Amino acid sequence: MSDGGGRRPSLVAAPRPWCRLRVVTPDGRVVARRTLRGFGPPDLDAVDVVARLALVARRRGARLMVEEARPELRELVELAGLSLSVEWRCVEVGGQPELGEHPAGVEQVEEEAHLGDPPA
């Protein structure tokens, strides 16, 4: 019960973002965006979403970019053998700058995989 008409604080946790997905055409246009969210760590349902979107993108001549992915999701995608079907884009935070890097603390890192490349 509420006293004085005030709202109760919500006890339900909000879903946490697992990654952001973008479908990008060869000319660089973003034709679809989605933030993949869930409760707890990513699961196989999240991998299913990534796989289906990668397949749709590929059929249309586009590519799927996965941004800001949680490490658990990336591990699941790799375990499922789908890491070559997506392009990973992440932000690395912290650590000491390496030779030639800017000491800003945040660095954009882009990794690209092609279906014909052998796994590393």
N, C-alpha and C. Protein backbone atom coordinates (compact mmCIF):
# COMPACT_ATOMS: atom_id res chain seq x y z
N MET A 1 0.83 -1.19 0.00
CA MET A 1 0.00 0.00 0.00
C MET A 1 0.87 1.24 0.00
N SER A 2 0.32 2.26 -0.56
CA SER A 2 1.04 3.51 -0.69
C SER A 2 0.50 4.51 0.32
N ASP A 3 1.40 5.27 0.92
CA ASP A 3 0.93 6.31 1.83
C ASP A 3 1.00 7.65 1.15
N GLY A 4 -0.07 8.37 1.13
CA GLY A 4 -0.11 9.72 0.57
C GLY A 4 -0.12 9.75 -0.95
N GLY A 5 -0.48 8.67 -1.62
CA GLY A 5 -0.60 8.70 -3.07
C GLY A 5 0.72 8.62 -3.82
N GLY A 6 1.83 8.43 -3.13
CA GLY A 6 3.13 8.32 -3.80
C GLY A 6 3.27 6.99 -4.52
N ARG A 7 4.15 6.93 -5.47
CA ARG A 7 4.38 5.70 -6.22
C ARG A 7 5.37 4.83 -5.49
N ARG A 8 5.15 3.55 -5.56
CA ARG A 8 6.09 2.59 -4.99
C ARG A 8 7.26 2.42 -5.94
N PRO A 9 8.42 2.21 -5.38
CA PRO A 9 9.54 1.91 -6.27
C PRO A 9 9.35 0.54 -6.91
N SER A 10 9.72 0.42 -8.13
CA SER A 10 9.58 -0.84 -8.85
C SER A 10 10.65 -1.82 -8.38
N LEU A 11 10.25 -3.04 -8.13
CA LEU A 11 11.19 -4.07 -7.72
C LEU A 11 11.63 -4.94 -8.89
N VAL A 12 11.11 -4.66 -10.07
CA VAL A 12 11.44 -5.44 -11.25
C VAL A 12 12.67 -4.82 -11.91
N ALA A 13 13.68 -5.64 -12.14
CA ALA A 13 14.89 -5.15 -12.79
C ALA A 13 14.64 -4.95 -14.28
N ALA A 14 15.31 -3.97 -14.83
CA ALA A 14 15.21 -3.72 -16.26
C ALA A 14 16.18 -4.63 -17.00
N PRO A 15 15.83 -5.04 -18.22
CA PRO A 15 16.77 -5.86 -18.99
C PRO A 15 18.04 -5.08 -19.30
N ARG A 16 19.16 -5.77 -19.30
CA ARG A 16 20.44 -5.15 -19.60
C ARG A 16 20.78 -5.34 -21.07
N PRO A 17 21.42 -4.35 -21.68
CA PRO A 17 21.81 -4.51 -23.08
C PRO A 17 22.92 -5.54 -23.21
N TRP A 18 22.77 -6.44 -24.21
CA TRP A 18 23.79 -7.44 -24.51
C TRP A 18 24.66 -6.98 -25.66
N CYS A 19 24.06 -6.27 -26.61
CA CYS A 19 24.81 -5.71 -27.74
C CYS A 19 23.87 -4.84 -28.56
N ARG A 20 24.47 -4.13 -29.51
CA ARG A 20 23.70 -3.37 -30.49
C ARG A 20 23.99 -3.97 -31.85
N LEU A 21 22.95 -4.14 -32.64
CA LEU A 21 23.07 -4.74 -33.96
C LEU A 21 22.71 -3.72 -35.02
N ARG A 22 23.48 -3.70 -36.12
CA ARG A 22 23.17 -2.84 -37.25
C ARG A 22 23.36 -3.62 -38.53
N VAL A 23 22.42 -3.49 -39.44
CA VAL A 23 22.56 -4.06 -40.78
C VAL A 23 22.98 -2.91 -41.68
N VAL A 24 24.14 -3.09 -42.35
CA VAL A 24 24.74 -2.03 -43.15
C VAL A 24 24.88 -2.50 -44.59
N THR A 25 24.40 -1.68 -45.52
CA THR A 25 24.49 -2.00 -46.94
C THR A 25 25.91 -1.73 -47.43
N PRO A 26 26.26 -2.26 -48.61
CA PRO A 26 27.61 -2.02 -49.14
C PRO A 26 27.97 -0.55 -49.29
N ASP A 27 26.97 0.31 -49.51
CA ASP A 27 27.26 1.75 -49.63
C ASP A 27 27.28 2.47 -48.28
N GLY A 28 27.18 1.72 -47.18
CA GLY A 28 27.31 2.31 -45.85
C GLY A 28 26.02 2.74 -45.17
N ARG A 29 24.88 2.54 -45.83
CA ARG A 29 23.60 2.91 -45.21
C ARG A 29 23.21 1.90 -44.15
N VAL A 30 22.75 2.40 -43.02
CA VAL A 30 22.22 1.52 -41.97
C VAL A 30 20.74 1.34 -42.24
N VAL A 31 20.33 0.09 -42.51
CA VAL A 31 18.94 -0.17 -42.86
C VAL A 31 18.16 -0.81 -41.71
N ALA A 32 18.84 -1.23 -40.67
CA ALA A 32 18.16 -1.79 -39.50
C ALA A 32 19.05 -1.63 -38.28
N ARG A 33 18.41 -1.33 -37.15
CA ARG A 33 19.12 -1.21 -35.87
C ARG A 33 18.31 -1.94 -34.82
N ARG A 34 19.02 -2.53 -33.89
CA ARG A 34 18.34 -3.19 -32.78
C ARG A 34 19.30 -3.30 -31.61
N THR A 35 18.79 -3.05 -30.42
CA THR A 35 19.55 -3.31 -29.21
C THR A 35 19.02 -4.61 -28.64
N LEU A 36 19.91 -5.56 -28.48
CA LEU A 36 19.55 -6.86 -27.94
C LEU A 36 19.71 -6.80 -26.43
N ARG A 37 18.61 -7.05 -25.71
CA ARG A 37 18.60 -6.93 -24.25
C ARG A 37 18.05 -8.19 -23.62
N GLY A 38 18.40 -8.36 -22.35
CA GLY A 38 17.84 -9.48 -21.62
C GLY A 38 18.21 -9.43 -20.16
N PHE A 39 17.64 -10.35 -19.41
CA PHE A 39 17.92 -10.46 -17.99
C PHE A 39 19.03 -11.48 -17.80
N GLY A 40 20.02 -11.17 -17.02
CA GLY A 40 21.11 -12.10 -16.79
C GLY A 40 22.05 -12.15 -17.98
N PRO A 41 22.85 -13.20 -18.05
CA PRO A 41 23.80 -13.31 -19.16
C PRO A 41 23.09 -13.69 -20.46
N PRO A 42 23.69 -13.37 -21.61
CA PRO A 42 23.11 -13.77 -22.89
C PRO A 42 22.96 -15.28 -22.98
N ASP A 43 21.96 -15.72 -23.74
CA ASP A 43 21.69 -17.15 -23.88
C ASP A 43 21.59 -17.52 -25.35
N LEU A 44 21.20 -18.77 -25.62
CA LEU A 44 21.12 -19.21 -27.01
C LEU A 44 20.02 -18.52 -27.80
N ASP A 45 19.01 -17.99 -27.13
CA ASP A 45 18.01 -17.20 -27.84
C ASP A 45 18.65 -15.95 -28.44
N ALA A 46 19.58 -15.35 -27.72
CA ALA A 46 20.29 -14.18 -28.25
C ALA A 46 21.13 -14.56 -29.46
N VAL A 47 21.78 -15.71 -29.39
CA VAL A 47 22.58 -16.20 -30.53
C VAL A 47 21.67 -16.44 -31.72
N ASP A 48 20.47 -16.95 -31.48
CA ASP A 48 19.51 -17.18 -32.56
C ASP A 48 19.15 -15.87 -33.26
N VAL A 49 18.95 -14.82 -32.49
CA VAL A 49 18.62 -13.51 -33.07
C VAL A 49 19.78 -13.02 -33.94
N VAL A 50 20.99 -13.15 -33.42
CA VAL A 50 22.17 -12.71 -34.18
C VAL A 50 22.29 -13.53 -35.48
N ALA A 51 22.11 -14.84 -35.38
CA ALA A 51 22.22 -15.71 -36.55
C ALA A 51 21.18 -15.37 -37.61
N ARG A 52 19.94 -15.18 -37.19
CA ARG A 52 18.88 -14.88 -38.15
C ARG A 52 19.10 -13.53 -38.83
N LEU A 53 19.51 -12.53 -38.05
CA LEU A 53 19.73 -11.21 -38.63
C LEU A 53 20.95 -11.24 -39.57
N ALA A 54 21.98 -12.01 -39.22
CA ALA A 54 23.15 -12.14 -40.10
C ALA A 54 22.75 -12.79 -41.42
N LEU A 55 21.89 -13.80 -41.35
CA LEU A 55 21.43 -14.49 -42.55
C LEU A 55 20.61 -13.55 -43.45
N VAL A 56 19.70 -12.81 -42.86
CA VAL A 56 18.88 -11.86 -43.63
C VAL A 56 19.77 -10.80 -44.26
N ALA A 57 20.73 -10.28 -43.50
CA ALA A 57 21.63 -9.26 -44.03
C ALA A 57 22.42 -9.81 -45.21
N ARG A 58 22.96 -11.00 -45.06
CA ARG A 58 23.76 -11.60 -46.12
C ARG A 58 22.95 -11.85 -47.38
N ARG A 59 21.72 -12.31 -47.21
CA ARG A 59 20.85 -12.56 -48.38
C ARG A 59 20.56 -11.27 -49.14
N ARG A 60 20.61 -10.15 -48.48
CA ARG A 60 20.32 -8.87 -49.12
C ARG A 60 21.60 -8.13 -49.52
N GLY A 61 22.73 -8.80 -49.43
CA GLY A 61 23.99 -8.19 -49.83
C GLY A 61 24.54 -7.21 -48.81
N ALA A 62 24.03 -7.24 -47.60
CA ALA A 62 24.48 -6.33 -46.54
C ALA A 62 25.34 -7.11 -45.55
N ARG A 63 25.77 -6.45 -44.50
CA ARG A 63 26.52 -7.12 -43.45
C ARG A 63 25.94 -6.74 -42.09
N LEU A 64 26.12 -7.62 -41.13
CA LEU A 64 25.65 -7.38 -39.77
C LEU A 64 26.82 -6.92 -38.93
N MET A 65 26.67 -5.77 -38.30
CA MET A 65 27.67 -5.26 -37.37
C MET A 65 27.15 -5.44 -35.96
N VAL A 66 27.96 -6.05 -35.12
CA VAL A 66 27.63 -6.24 -33.71
C VAL A 66 28.51 -5.30 -32.91
N GLU A 67 27.89 -4.39 -32.19
CA GLU A 67 28.62 -3.37 -31.44
C GLU A 67 28.40 -3.53 -29.95
N GLU A 68 29.42 -3.20 -29.20
CA GLU A 68 29.33 -3.17 -27.73
C GLU A 68 28.79 -4.48 -27.17
N ALA A 69 29.24 -5.59 -27.72
CA ALA A 69 28.76 -6.90 -27.28
C ALA A 69 29.37 -7.27 -25.93
N ARG A 70 28.55 -7.84 -25.08
CA ARG A 70 29.07 -8.39 -23.84
C ARG A 70 29.95 -9.59 -24.17
N PRO A 71 31.02 -9.79 -23.43
CA PRO A 71 31.93 -10.91 -23.73
C PRO A 71 31.23 -12.27 -23.76
N GLU A 72 30.23 -12.46 -22.91
CA GLU A 72 29.51 -13.73 -22.88
C GLU A 72 28.79 -14.00 -24.19
N LEU A 73 28.21 -12.94 -24.78
CA LEU A 73 27.52 -13.10 -26.06
C LEU A 73 28.51 -13.43 -27.16
N ARG A 74 29.61 -12.74 -27.17
CA ARG A 74 30.62 -13.00 -28.21
C ARG A 74 31.12 -14.44 -28.10
N GLU A 75 31.34 -14.92 -26.88
CA GLU A 75 31.79 -16.30 -26.69
C GLU A 75 30.75 -17.30 -27.22
N LEU A 76 29.47 -17.04 -26.95
CA LEU A 76 28.42 -17.93 -27.43
C LEU A 76 28.33 -17.92 -28.96
N VAL A 77 28.45 -16.74 -29.55
CA VAL A 77 28.40 -16.64 -31.01
C VAL A 77 29.58 -17.40 -31.62
N GLU A 78 30.75 -17.26 -31.03
CA GLU A 78 31.92 -17.99 -31.53
C GLU A 78 31.75 -19.49 -31.35
N LEU A 79 31.21 -19.90 -30.19
CA LEU A 79 30.98 -21.32 -29.93
C LEU A 79 30.01 -21.93 -30.93
N ALA A 80 29.02 -21.14 -31.34
CA ALA A 80 28.03 -21.60 -32.31
C ALA A 80 28.58 -21.58 -33.74
N GLY A 81 29.79 -21.10 -33.91
CA GLY A 81 30.40 -21.08 -35.24
C GLY A 81 29.92 -19.94 -36.12
N LEU A 82 29.39 -18.89 -35.52
CA LEU A 82 28.82 -17.78 -36.29
C LEU A 82 29.71 -16.54 -36.32
N SER A 83 30.87 -16.60 -35.71
CA SER A 83 31.68 -15.39 -35.61
C SER A 83 32.15 -14.87 -36.97
N LEU A 84 32.23 -15.75 -37.97
CA LEU A 84 32.64 -15.31 -39.30
C LEU A 84 31.48 -14.70 -40.09
N SER A 85 30.27 -14.79 -39.56
CA SER A 85 29.09 -14.25 -40.24
C SER A 85 28.78 -12.83 -39.84
N VAL A 86 29.49 -12.30 -38.84
CA VAL A 86 29.21 -10.95 -38.36
C VAL A 86 30.49 -10.14 -38.32
N GLU A 87 30.33 -8.84 -38.26
CA GLU A 87 31.46 -7.92 -38.12
C GLU A 87 31.38 -7.34 -36.71
N TRP A 88 32.43 -7.53 -35.93
CA TRP A 88 32.44 -7.07 -34.55
C TRP A 88 33.00 -5.67 -34.47
N ARG A 89 32.38 -4.84 -33.69
CA ARG A 89 32.88 -3.49 -33.43
C ARG A 89 32.71 -3.28 -31.94
N CYS A 90 33.83 -2.98 -31.28
CA CYS A 90 33.75 -2.87 -29.83
C CYS A 90 34.53 -1.65 -29.36
N VAL A 91 34.34 -1.32 -28.11
CA VAL A 91 35.06 -0.23 -27.47
C VAL A 91 35.86 -0.83 -26.33
N GLU A 92 37.17 -0.65 -26.38
CA GLU A 92 38.02 -1.12 -25.30
C GLU A 92 38.27 0.05 -24.36
N VAL A 93 38.10 -0.18 -23.08
CA VAL A 93 38.22 0.88 -22.09
C VAL A 93 39.35 0.54 -21.13
N GLY A 94 40.12 1.56 -20.76
CA GLY A 94 41.12 1.40 -19.71
C GLY A 94 42.43 0.84 -20.23
N GLY A 95 43.32 0.52 -19.28
CA GLY A 95 44.62 -0.03 -19.62
C GLY A 95 45.61 1.06 -19.99
N GLN A 96 46.84 0.66 -20.19
CA GLN A 96 47.90 1.59 -20.57
C GLN A 96 47.94 1.69 -22.10
N PRO A 97 48.15 2.90 -22.62
CA PRO A 97 48.23 3.03 -24.08
C PRO A 97 49.48 2.31 -24.61
N GLU A 98 49.32 1.61 -25.72
CA GLU A 98 50.45 0.97 -26.36
C GLU A 98 51.18 1.98 -27.23
N LEU A 99 52.35 1.61 -27.68
CA LEU A 99 53.14 2.48 -28.51
C LEU A 99 52.34 2.93 -29.72
N GLY A 100 52.22 4.22 -29.92
CA GLY A 100 51.49 4.75 -31.06
C GLY A 100 50.01 5.01 -30.79
N GLU A 101 49.50 4.64 -29.61
CA GLU A 101 48.10 4.88 -29.28
C GLU A 101 47.95 6.21 -28.54
N HIS A 102 46.75 6.73 -28.61
CA HIS A 102 46.43 7.94 -27.86
C HIS A 102 46.04 7.54 -26.44
N PRO A 103 46.50 8.28 -25.44
CA PRO A 103 46.18 7.91 -24.05
C PRO A 103 44.81 8.39 -23.60
N ALA A 104 43.81 8.36 -24.46
CA ALA A 104 42.47 8.86 -24.13
C ALA A 104 41.72 7.91 -23.22
N GLY A 105 42.08 6.62 -23.18
CA GLY A 105 41.39 5.67 -22.31
C GLY A 105 40.30 4.90 -23.02
N VAL A 106 39.79 5.41 -24.14
CA VAL A 106 38.77 4.70 -24.91
C VAL A 106 39.26 4.62 -26.34
N GLU A 107 39.23 3.43 -26.88
CA GLU A 107 39.74 3.23 -28.23
C GLU A 107 38.71 2.45 -29.04
N GLN A 108 38.41 2.92 -30.23
CA GLN A 108 37.52 2.19 -31.11
C GLN A 108 38.32 1.09 -31.78
N VAL A 109 37.82 -0.12 -31.72
CA VAL A 109 38.47 -1.26 -32.35
C VAL A 109 37.46 -1.88 -33.30
N GLU A 110 37.89 -2.13 -34.52
CA GLU A 110 37.00 -2.74 -35.50
C GLU A 110 37.63 -4.03 -35.98
N GLU A 111 36.87 -5.09 -35.90
CA GLU A 111 37.33 -6.38 -36.39
C GLU A 111 36.39 -6.81 -37.50
N GLU A 112 36.96 -7.35 -38.55
CA GLU A 112 36.14 -7.78 -39.67
C GLU A 112 36.47 -9.22 -39.99
N ALA A 113 35.46 -10.01 -40.23
CA ALA A 113 35.65 -11.41 -40.60
C ALA A 113 35.01 -11.63 -41.96
N HIS A 114 35.64 -12.43 -42.76
CA HIS A 114 35.10 -12.79 -44.06
C HIS A 114 34.89 -14.29 -44.09
N LEU A 115 33.86 -14.73 -44.75
CA LEU A 115 33.52 -16.13 -44.76
C LEU A 115 34.62 -17.01 -45.34
N GLY A 116 35.45 -16.50 -46.22
CA GLY A 116 36.50 -17.30 -46.83
C GLY A 116 37.77 -17.38 -46.00
N ASP A 117 37.89 -16.57 -44.95
CA ASP A 117 39.10 -16.55 -44.13
C ASP A 117 39.15 -17.75 -43.20
N PRO A 118 40.35 -18.34 -43.00
CA PRO A 118 40.47 -19.42 -42.02
C PRO A 118 40.39 -18.85 -40.62
N PRO A 119 39.89 -19.60 -39.64
CA PRO A 119 39.81 -19.11 -38.28
C PRO A 119 41.20 -18.84 -37.72
N ALA A 120 41.30 -17.84 -36.85
CA ALA A 120 42.59 -17.48 -36.24
C ALA A 120 42.92 -18.42 -35.11
